[in-house]
């Protein structure tokens, strides 16, 4: 799987779960802490090309995936496809 980029905030439960999922599956990822970098939701929206209402916002390579639930489904589908 390509490198994952997770935009989120420290203390966000779903952000932590996304990071944990990457670590447990040995998926390479970059963690972008919005607060530490002084980023707003609008800054992220400008980068991913769509409105941001919640975090995390997750990309695989340059492909927008969505939030944690979307990412979890993406990972499951990817694992199923590569297990064949």
PDB file of N, CA and C in Angstrom:
ATOM      1  N   UNK A   1       0.855  -1.182   0.000  1.00  0.00           N
ATOM      2  CA  UNK A   1       0.000   0.000   0.000  1.00  0.00           C
ATOM      3  C   UNK A   1       0.893   1.235   0.000  1.00  0.00           C
ATOM      4  N   UNK A   2       0.454   2.235  -0.720  1.00  0.00           N
ATOM      5  CA  UNK A   2       1.209   3.488  -0.760  1.00  0.00           C
ATOM      6  C   UNK A   2       1.208   4.155   0.615  1.00  0.00           C
ATOM      7  N   UNK A   3       2.087   5.129   0.766  1.00  0.00           N
ATOM      8  CA  UNK A   3       2.149   5.861   2.024  1.00  0.00           C
ATOM      9  C   UNK A   3       0.838   6.577   2.304  1.00  0.00           C
ATOM     10  N   UNK A   4       0.439   6.531   3.556  1.00  0.00           N
ATOM     11  CA  UNK A   4      -0.798   7.148   4.026  1.00  0.00           C
ATOM     12  C   UNK A   4      -0.460   8.481   4.682  1.00  0.00           C
ATOM     13  N   UNK A   5      -1.289   9.478   4.462  1.00  0.00           N
ATOM     14  CA  UNK A   5      -1.167  10.758   5.154  1.00  0.00           C
ATOM     15  C   UNK A   5      -2.411  10.941   6.002  1.00  0.00           C
ATOM     16  N   UNK A   6      -2.204  11.161   7.299  1.00  0.00           N
ATOM     17  CA  UNK A   6      -3.308  11.349   8.237  1.00  0.00           C
ATOM     18  C   UNK A   6      -3.239  12.773   8.770  1.00  0.00           C
ATOM     19  N   UNK A   7      -4.249  13.566   8.457  1.00  0.00           N
ATOM     20  CA  UNK A   7      -4.387  14.912   9.017  1.00  0.00           C
ATOM     21  C   UNK A   7      -5.295  14.792  10.231  1.00  0.00           C
ATOM     22  N   UNK A   8      -4.816  15.236  11.386  1.00  0.00           N
ATOM     23  CA  UNK A   8      -5.637  15.115  12.584  1.00  0.00           C
ATOM     24  C   UNK A   8      -5.139  15.991  13.710  1.00  0.00           C
ATOM     25  N   UNK A   9      -5.654  15.672  14.901  1.00  0.00           N
ATOM     26  CA  UNK A   9      -5.299  16.406  16.115  1.00  0.00           C
ATOM     27  C   UNK A   9      -4.924  15.415  17.203  1.00  0.00           C
ATOM     28  N   UNK A  10      -3.933  15.756  18.009  1.00  0.00           N
ATOM     29  CA  UNK A  10      -3.601  14.949  19.167  1.00  0.00           C
ATOM     30  C   UNK A  10      -4.814  14.940  20.090  1.00  0.00           C
ATOM     31  N   UNK A  11      -5.137  13.787  20.621  1.00  0.00           N
ATOM     32  CA  UNK A  11      -6.287  13.677  21.506  1.00  0.00           C
ATOM     33  C   UNK A  11      -7.562  13.268  20.793  1.00  0.00           C
ATOM     34  N   UNK A  12      -7.529  13.209  19.477  1.00  0.00           N
ATOM     35  CA  UNK A  12      -8.680  12.767  18.685  1.00  0.00           C
ATOM     36  C   UNK A  12      -8.659  11.239  18.644  1.00  0.00           C
ATOM     37  N   UNK A  13      -9.694  10.614  19.186  1.00  0.00           N
ATOM     38  CA  UNK A  13      -9.751   9.158  19.258  1.00  0.00           C
ATOM     39  C   UNK A  13      -9.658   8.466  17.909  1.00  0.00           C
ATOM     40  N   UNK A  14     -10.386   8.988  16.925  1.00  0.00           N
ATOM     41  CA  UNK A  14     -10.350   8.363  15.602  1.00  0.00           C
ATOM     42  C   UNK A  14      -8.998   8.572  14.921  1.00  0.00           C
ATOM     43  N   UNK A  15      -8.335   9.677  15.238  1.00  0.00           N
ATOM     44  CA  UNK A  15      -6.989   9.923  14.706  1.00  0.00           C
ATOM     45  C   UNK A  15      -6.012   8.893  15.277  1.00  0.00           C
ATOM     46  N   UNK A  16      -6.117   8.644  16.573  1.00  0.00           N
ATOM     47  CA  UNK A  16      -5.268   7.644  17.225  1.00  0.00           C
ATOM     48  C   UNK A  16      -5.530   6.267  16.621  1.00  0.00           C
ATOM     49  N   UNK A  17      -6.799   5.939  16.398  1.00  0.00           N
ATOM     50  CA  UNK A  17      -7.136   4.635  15.817  1.00  0.00           C
ATOM     51  C   UNK A  17      -6.565   4.488  14.408  1.00  0.00           C
ATOM     52  N   UNK A  18      -6.584   5.555  13.630  1.00  0.00           N
ATOM     53  CA  UNK A  18      -6.017   5.504  12.276  1.00  0.00           C
ATOM     54  C   UNK A  18      -4.509   5.252  12.340  1.00  0.00           C
ATOM     55  N   UNK A  19      -3.844   5.927  13.242  1.00  0.00           N
ATOM     56  CA  UNK A  19      -2.397   5.718  13.400  1.00  0.00           C
ATOM     57  C   UNK A  19      -2.111   4.300  13.871  1.00  0.00           C
ATOM     58  N   UNK A  20      -2.895   3.827  14.843  1.00  0.00           N
ATOM     59  CA  UNK A  20      -2.711   2.468  15.358  1.00  0.00           C
ATOM     60  C   UNK A  20      -2.933   1.423  14.269  1.00  0.00           C
ATOM     61  N   UNK A  21      -3.924   1.654  13.414  1.00  0.00           N
ATOM     62  CA  UNK A  21      -4.193   0.729  12.314  1.00  0.00           C
ATOM     63  C   UNK A  21      -2.981   0.653  11.382  1.00  0.00           C
ATOM     64  N   UNK A  22      -2.417   1.793  11.051  1.00  0.00           N
ATOM     65  CA  UNK A  22      -1.220   1.809  10.201  1.00  0.00           C
ATOM     66  C   UNK A  22      -0.072   1.055  10.864  1.00  0.00           C
ATOM     67  N   UNK A  23       0.140   1.320  12.137  1.00  0.00           N
ATOM     68  CA  UNK A  23       1.251   0.682  12.839  1.00  0.00           C
ATOM     69  C   UNK A  23       1.046  -0.823  12.955  1.00  0.00           C
ATOM     70  N   UNK A  24      -0.181  -1.263  13.239  1.00  0.00           N
ATOM     71  CA  UNK A  24      -0.436  -2.696  13.402  1.00  0.00           C
ATOM     72  C   UNK A  24      -0.330  -3.460  12.087  1.00  0.00           C
ATOM     73  N   UNK A  25      -0.522  -2.776  10.970  1.00  0.00           N
ATOM     74  CA  UNK A  25      -0.459  -3.419   9.648  1.00  0.00           C
ATOM     75  C   UNK A  25       0.839  -3.078   8.905  1.00  0.00           C
ATOM     76  N   UNK A  26       1.749  -2.387   9.592  1.00  0.00           N
ATOM     77  CA  UNK A  26       3.018  -1.955   8.974  1.00  0.00           C
ATOM     78  C   UNK A  26       2.795  -1.147   7.703  1.00  0.00           C
ATOM     79  N   UNK A  27       1.809  -0.270   7.745  1.00  0.00           N
ATOM     80  CA  UNK A  27       1.514   0.623   6.628  1.00  0.00           C
ATOM     81  C   UNK A  27       2.299   1.915   6.852  1.00  0.00           C
ATOM     82  N   UNK A  28       3.121   2.323   5.894  1.00  0.00           N
ATOM     83  CA  UNK A  28       3.865   3.573   6.080  1.00  0.00           C
ATOM     84  C   UNK A  28       2.907   4.766   6.099  1.00  0.00           C
ATOM     85  N   UNK A  29       3.117   5.654   7.065  1.00  0.00           N
ATOM     86  CA  UNK A  29       2.227   6.811   7.159  1.00  0.00           C
ATOM     87  C   UNK A  29       2.966   8.042   7.642  1.00  0.00           C
ATOM     88  N   UNK A  30       2.358   9.172   7.319  1.00  0.00           N
ATOM     89  CA  UNK A  30       2.815  10.466   7.816  1.00  0.00           C
ATOM     90  C   UNK A  30       1.688  11.025   8.668  1.00  0.00           C
ATOM     91  N   UNK A  31       2.021  11.444   9.869  1.00  0.00           N
ATOM     92  CA  UNK A  31       1.063  12.056  10.779  1.00  0.00           C
ATOM     93  C   UNK A  31       1.233  13.570  10.694  1.00  0.00           C
ATOM     94  N   UNK A  32       0.159  14.274  10.366  1.00  0.00           N
ATOM     95  CA  UNK A  32       0.187  15.732  10.290  1.00  0.00           C
ATOM     96  C   UNK A  32      -0.705  16.259  11.402  1.00  0.00           C
ATOM     97  N   UNK A  33      -0.087  16.752  12.477  1.00  0.00           N
ATOM     98  CA  UNK A  33      -0.828  17.308  13.610  1.00  0.00           C
ATOM     99  C   UNK A  33      -1.223  18.741  13.264  1.00  0.00           C
ATOM    100  N   UNK A  34      -2.503  18.939  13.038  1.00  0.00           N
ATOM    101  CA  UNK A  34      -3.019  20.251  12.623  1.00  0.00           C
ATOM    102  C   UNK A  34      -2.673  21.347  13.618  1.00  0.00           C
ATOM    103  N   UNK A  35      -2.833  21.048  14.888  1.00  0.00           N
ATOM    104  CA  UNK A  35      -2.622  22.065  15.925  1.00  0.00           C
ATOM    105  C   UNK A  35      -1.139  22.444  15.989  1.00  0.00           C
ATOM    106  N   UNK A  36      -0.276  21.432  16.023  1.00  0.00           N
ATOM    107  CA  UNK A  36       1.166  21.690  16.112  1.00  0.00           C
ATOM    108  C   UNK A  36       1.669  22.487  14.909  1.00  0.00           C
ATOM    109  N   UNK A  37       1.046  22.268  13.759  1.00  0.00           N
ATOM    110  CA  UNK A  37       1.467  22.977  12.543  1.00  0.00           C
ATOM    111  C   UNK A  37       0.674  24.251  12.294  1.00  0.00           C
ATOM    112  N   UNK A  38      -0.264  24.562  13.188  1.00  0.00           N
ATOM    113  CA  UNK A  38      -1.048  25.785  13.031  1.00  0.00           C
ATOM    114  C   UNK A  38      -1.979  25.747  11.835  1.00  0.00           C
ATOM    115  N   UNK A  39      -2.475  24.563  11.501  1.00  0.00           N
ATOM    116  CA  UNK A  39      -3.341  24.406  10.330  1.00  0.00           C
ATOM    117  C   UNK A  39      -4.814  24.445  10.732  1.00  0.00           C
ATOM    118  N   UNK A  40      -5.614  25.026   9.886  1.00  0.00           N
ATOM    119  CA  UNK A  40      -7.065  25.031  10.089  1.00  0.00           C
ATOM    120  C   UNK A  40      -7.690  23.961   9.196  1.00  0.00           C
ATOM    121  N   UNK A  41      -8.973  23.701   9.413  1.00  0.00           N
ATOM    122  CA  UNK A  41      -9.691  22.778   8.531  1.00  0.00           C
ATOM    123  C   UNK A  41      -9.679  23.298   7.099  1.00  0.00           C
ATOM    124  N   UNK A  42      -9.717  24.605   6.952  1.00  0.00           N
ATOM    125  CA  UNK A  42      -9.679  25.185   5.606  1.00  0.00           C
ATOM    126  C   UNK A  42      -8.332  24.929   4.928  1.00  0.00           C
ATOM    127  N   UNK A  43      -7.250  24.982   5.697  1.00  0.00           N
ATOM    128  CA  UNK A  43      -5.928  24.677   5.135  1.00  0.00           C
ATOM    129  C   UNK A  43      -5.899  23.256   4.571  1.00  0.00           C
ATOM    130  N   UNK A  44      -6.469  22.323   5.324  1.00  0.00           N
ATOM    131  CA  UNK A  44      -6.501  20.933   4.868  1.00  0.00           C
ATOM    132  C   UNK A  44      -7.429  20.794   3.669  1.00  0.00           C
ATOM    133  N   UNK A  45      -8.573  21.460   3.728  1.00  0.00           N
ATOM    134  CA  UNK A  45      -9.519  21.427   2.600  1.00  0.00           C
ATOM    135  C   UNK A  45      -8.840  21.916   1.326  1.00  0.00           C
ATOM    136  N   UNK A  46      -8.039  22.940   1.443  1.00  0.00           N
ATOM    137  CA  UNK A  46      -7.318  23.457   0.280  1.00  0.00           C
ATOM    138  C   UNK A  46      -6.350  22.409  -0.283  1.00  0.00           C
ATOM    139  N   UNK A  47      -5.757  21.612   0.600  1.00  0.00           N
ATOM    140  CA  UNK A  47      -4.796  20.600   0.157  1.00  0.00           C
ATOM    141  C   UNK A  47      -5.473  19.374  -0.450  1.00  0.00           C
ATOM    142  N   UNK A  48      -6.625  18.966   0.104  1.00  0.00           N
ATOM    143  CA  UNK A  48      -7.265  17.739  -0.391  1.00  0.00           C
ATOM    144  C   UNK A  48      -8.365  18.009  -1.407  1.00  0.00           C
ATOM    145  N   UNK A  49      -8.748  19.277  -1.554  1.00  0.00           N
ATOM    146  CA  UNK A  49      -9.711  19.634  -2.585  1.00  0.00           C
ATOM    147  C   UNK A  49     -11.159  19.355  -2.256  1.00  0.00           C
ATOM    148  N   UNK A  50     -11.485  19.327  -0.973  1.00  0.00           N
ATOM    149  CA  UNK A  50     -12.877  19.129  -0.552  1.00  0.00           C
ATOM    150  C   UNK A  50     -13.064  19.692   0.850  1.00  0.00           C
ATOM    151  N   UNK A  51     -14.307  20.009   1.220  1.00  0.00           N
ATOM    152  CA  UNK A  51     -14.552  20.572   2.550  1.00  0.00           C
ATOM    153  C   UNK A  51     -14.166  19.586   3.657  1.00  0.00           C
ATOM    154  N   UNK A  52     -13.705  20.112   4.765  1.00  0.00           N
ATOM    155  CA  UNK A  52     -13.333  19.296   5.918  1.00  0.00           C
ATOM    156  C   UNK A  52     -14.209  19.698   7.092  1.00  0.00           C
ATOM    157  N   UNK A  53     -14.937  18.714   7.624  1.00  0.00           N
ATOM    158  CA  UNK A  53     -15.800  18.963   8.781  1.00  0.00           C
ATOM    159  C   UNK A  53     -15.300  18.242  10.022  1.00  0.00           C
ATOM    160  N   UNK A  54     -14.602  17.122   9.816  1.00  0.00           N
ATOM    161  CA  UNK A  54     -14.121  16.313  10.931  1.00  0.00           C
ATOM    162  C   UNK A  54     -12.693  15.862  10.652  1.00  0.00           C
ATOM    163  N   UNK A  55     -12.047  15.358  11.677  1.00  0.00           N
ATOM    164  CA  UNK A  55     -10.744  14.713  11.520  1.00  0.00           C
ATOM    165  C   UNK A  55     -10.860  13.314  12.109  1.00  0.00           C
ATOM    166  N   UNK A  56     -10.038  12.396  11.653  1.00  0.00           N
ATOM    167  CA  UNK A  56      -8.960  12.568  10.695  1.00  0.00           C
ATOM    168  C   UNK A  56      -9.459  12.676   9.263  1.00  0.00           C
ATOM    169  N   UNK A  57      -8.606  13.223   8.430  1.00  0.00           N
ATOM    170  CA  UNK A  57      -8.779  13.206   6.977  1.00  0.00           C
ATOM    171  C   UNK A  57      -7.582  12.421   6.446  1.00  0.00           C
ATOM    172  N   UNK A  58      -7.865  11.399   5.643  1.00  0.00           N
ATOM    173  CA  UNK A  58      -6.831  10.430   5.293  1.00  0.00           C
ATOM    174  C   UNK A  58      -6.704  10.278   3.782  1.00  0.00           C
ATOM    175  N   UNK A  59      -5.457  10.269   3.339  1.00  0.00           N
ATOM    176  CA  UNK A  59      -5.143  10.012   1.933  1.00  0.00           C
ATOM    177  C   UNK A  59      -4.226   8.799   1.847  1.00  0.00           C
ATOM    178  N   UNK A  60      -4.393   8.014   0.788  1.00  0.00           N
ATOM    179  CA  UNK A  60      -3.469   6.933   0.469  1.00  0.00           C
ATOM    180  C   UNK A  60      -2.797   7.351  -0.827  1.00  0.00           C
ATOM    181  N   UNK A  61      -1.502   7.603  -0.742  1.00  0.00           N
ATOM    182  CA  UNK A  61      -0.827   8.233  -1.869  1.00  0.00           C
ATOM    183  C   UNK A  61      -1.458   9.595  -2.072  1.00  0.00           C
ATOM    184  N   UNK A  62      -1.937   9.870  -3.260  1.00  0.00           N
ATOM    185  CA  UNK A  62      -2.626  11.142  -3.517  1.00  0.00           C
ATOM    186  C   UNK A  62      -4.140  10.967  -3.567  1.00  0.00           C
ATOM    187  N   UNK A  63      -4.622   9.746  -3.271  1.00  0.00           N
ATOM    188  CA  UNK A  63      -6.059   9.448  -3.321  1.00  0.00           C
ATOM    189  C   UNK A  63      -6.731   9.750  -1.982  1.00  0.00           C
ATOM    190  N   UNK A  64      -7.751  10.602  -2.013  1.00  0.00           N
ATOM    191  CA  UNK A  64      -8.510  10.902  -0.803  1.00  0.00           C
ATOM    192  C   UNK A  64      -9.351   9.687  -0.439  1.00  0.00           C
ATOM    193  N   UNK A  65      -9.274   9.249   0.822  1.00  0.00           N
ATOM    194  CA  UNK A  65     -10.046   8.100   1.288  1.00  0.00           C
ATOM    195  C   UNK A  65     -11.202   8.543   2.168  1.00  0.00           C
ATOM    196  N   UNK A  66     -10.969   9.473   3.102  1.00  0.00           N
ATOM    197  CA  UNK A  66     -12.025   9.941   3.994  1.00  0.00           C
ATOM    198  C   UNK A  66     -11.567   9.926   5.434  1.00  0.00           C
ATOM    199  N   UNK A  67     -12.504   9.599   6.334  1.00  0.00           N
ATOM    200  CA  UNK A  67     -12.212   9.523   7.760  1.00  0.00           C
ATOM    201  C   UNK A  67     -11.779   8.125   8.162  1.00  0.00           C
ATOM    202  N   UNK A  68     -11.804   7.866   9.476  1.00  0.00           N
ATOM    203  CA  UNK A  68     -11.315   6.573   9.959  1.00  0.00           C
ATOM    204  C   UNK A  68     -12.124   5.401   9.424  1.00  0.00           C
ATOM    205  N   UNK A  69     -13.446   5.470   9.495  1.00  0.00           N
ATOM    206  CA  UNK A  69     -14.268   4.346   9.033  1.00  0.00           C
ATOM    207  C   UNK A  69     -14.007   4.040   7.561  1.00  0.00           C
ATOM    208  N   UNK A  70     -13.897   5.079   6.751  1.00  0.00           N
ATOM    209  CA  UNK A  70     -13.595   4.894   5.330  1.00  0.00           C
ATOM    210  C   UNK A  70     -12.222   4.242   5.153  1.00  0.00           C
ATOM    211  N   UNK A  71     -11.267   4.694   5.933  1.00  0.00           N
ATOM    212  CA  UNK A  71      -9.913   4.162   5.843  1.00  0.00           C
ATOM    213  C   UNK A  71      -9.864   2.702   6.281  1.00  0.00           C
ATOM    214  N   UNK A  72     -10.567   2.372   7.349  1.00  0.00           N
ATOM    215  CA  UNK A  72     -10.600   0.991   7.829  1.00  0.00           C
ATOM    216  C   UNK A  72     -11.165   0.074   6.743  1.00  0.00           C
ATOM    217  N   UNK A  73     -12.245   0.503   6.102  1.00  0.00           N
ATOM    218  CA  UNK A  73     -12.817  -0.258   4.998  1.00  0.00           C
ATOM    219  C   UNK A  73     -11.848  -0.389   3.837  1.00  0.00           C
ATOM    220  N   UNK A  74     -11.149   0.680   3.539  1.00  0.00           N
ATOM    221  CA  UNK A  74     -10.156   0.681   2.456  1.00  0.00           C
ATOM    222  C   UNK A  74      -9.062  -0.339   2.747  1.00  0.00           C
ATOM    223  N   UNK A  75      -8.568  -0.350   3.980  1.00  0.00           N
ATOM    224  CA  UNK A  75      -7.508  -1.284   4.366  1.00  0.00           C
ATOM    225  C   UNK A  75      -8.012  -2.720   4.259  1.00  0.00           C
ATOM    226  N   UNK A  76      -9.205  -2.984   4.767  1.00  0.00           N
ATOM    227  CA  UNK A  76      -9.776  -4.341   4.675  1.00  0.00           C
ATOM    228  C   UNK A  76      -9.907  -4.782   3.225  1.00  0.00           C
ATOM    229  N   UNK A  77     -10.430  -3.903   2.374  1.00  0.00           N
ATOM    230  CA  UNK A  77     -10.588  -4.233   0.953  1.00  0.00           C
ATOM    231  C   UNK A  77      -9.233  -4.487   0.294  1.00  0.00           C
ATOM    232  N   UNK A  78      -8.254  -3.663   0.634  1.00  0.00           N
ATOM    233  CA  UNK A  78      -6.908  -3.822   0.078  1.00  0.00           C
ATOM    234  C   UNK A  78      -6.308  -5.160   0.512  1.00  0.00           C
ATOM    235  N   UNK A  79      -6.463  -5.503   1.787  1.00  0.00           N
ATOM    236  CA  UNK A  79      -5.929  -6.769   2.286  1.00  0.00           C
ATOM    237  C   UNK A  79      -6.614  -7.956   1.614  1.00  0.00           C
ATOM    238  N   UNK A  80      -7.928  -7.874   1.440  1.00  0.00           N
ATOM    239  CA  UNK A  80      -8.666  -8.961   0.788  1.00  0.00           C
ATOM    240  C   UNK A  80      -8.220  -9.126  -0.662  1.00  0.00           C
ATOM    241  N   UNK A  81      -8.007  -8.019  -1.347  1.00  0.00           N
ATOM    242  CA  UNK A  81      -7.604  -8.068  -2.756  1.00  0.00           C
ATOM    243  C   UNK A  81      -6.193  -8.626  -2.924  1.00  0.00           C
ATOM    244  N   UNK A  82      -5.312  -8.316  -1.985  1.00  0.00           N
ATOM    245  CA  UNK A  82      -3.930  -8.784  -2.108  1.00  0.00           C
ATOM    246  C   UNK A  82      -3.754 -10.195  -1.565  1.00  0.00           C
ATOM    247  N   UNK A  83      -4.737 -10.711  -0.834  1.00  0.00           N
ATOM    248  CA  UNK A  83      -4.658 -12.064  -0.279  1.00  0.00           C
ATOM    249  C   UNK A  83      -5.038 -13.124  -1.312  1.00  0.00           C
ATOM    250  N   UNK A  84      -5.628 -12.717  -2.405  1.00  0.00           N
ATOM    251  CA  UNK A  84      -6.089 -13.681  -3.420  1.00  0.00           C
ATOM    252  C   UNK A  84      -4.957 -14.317  -4.149  1.00  0.00           C
TER     253      UNK A  84
END
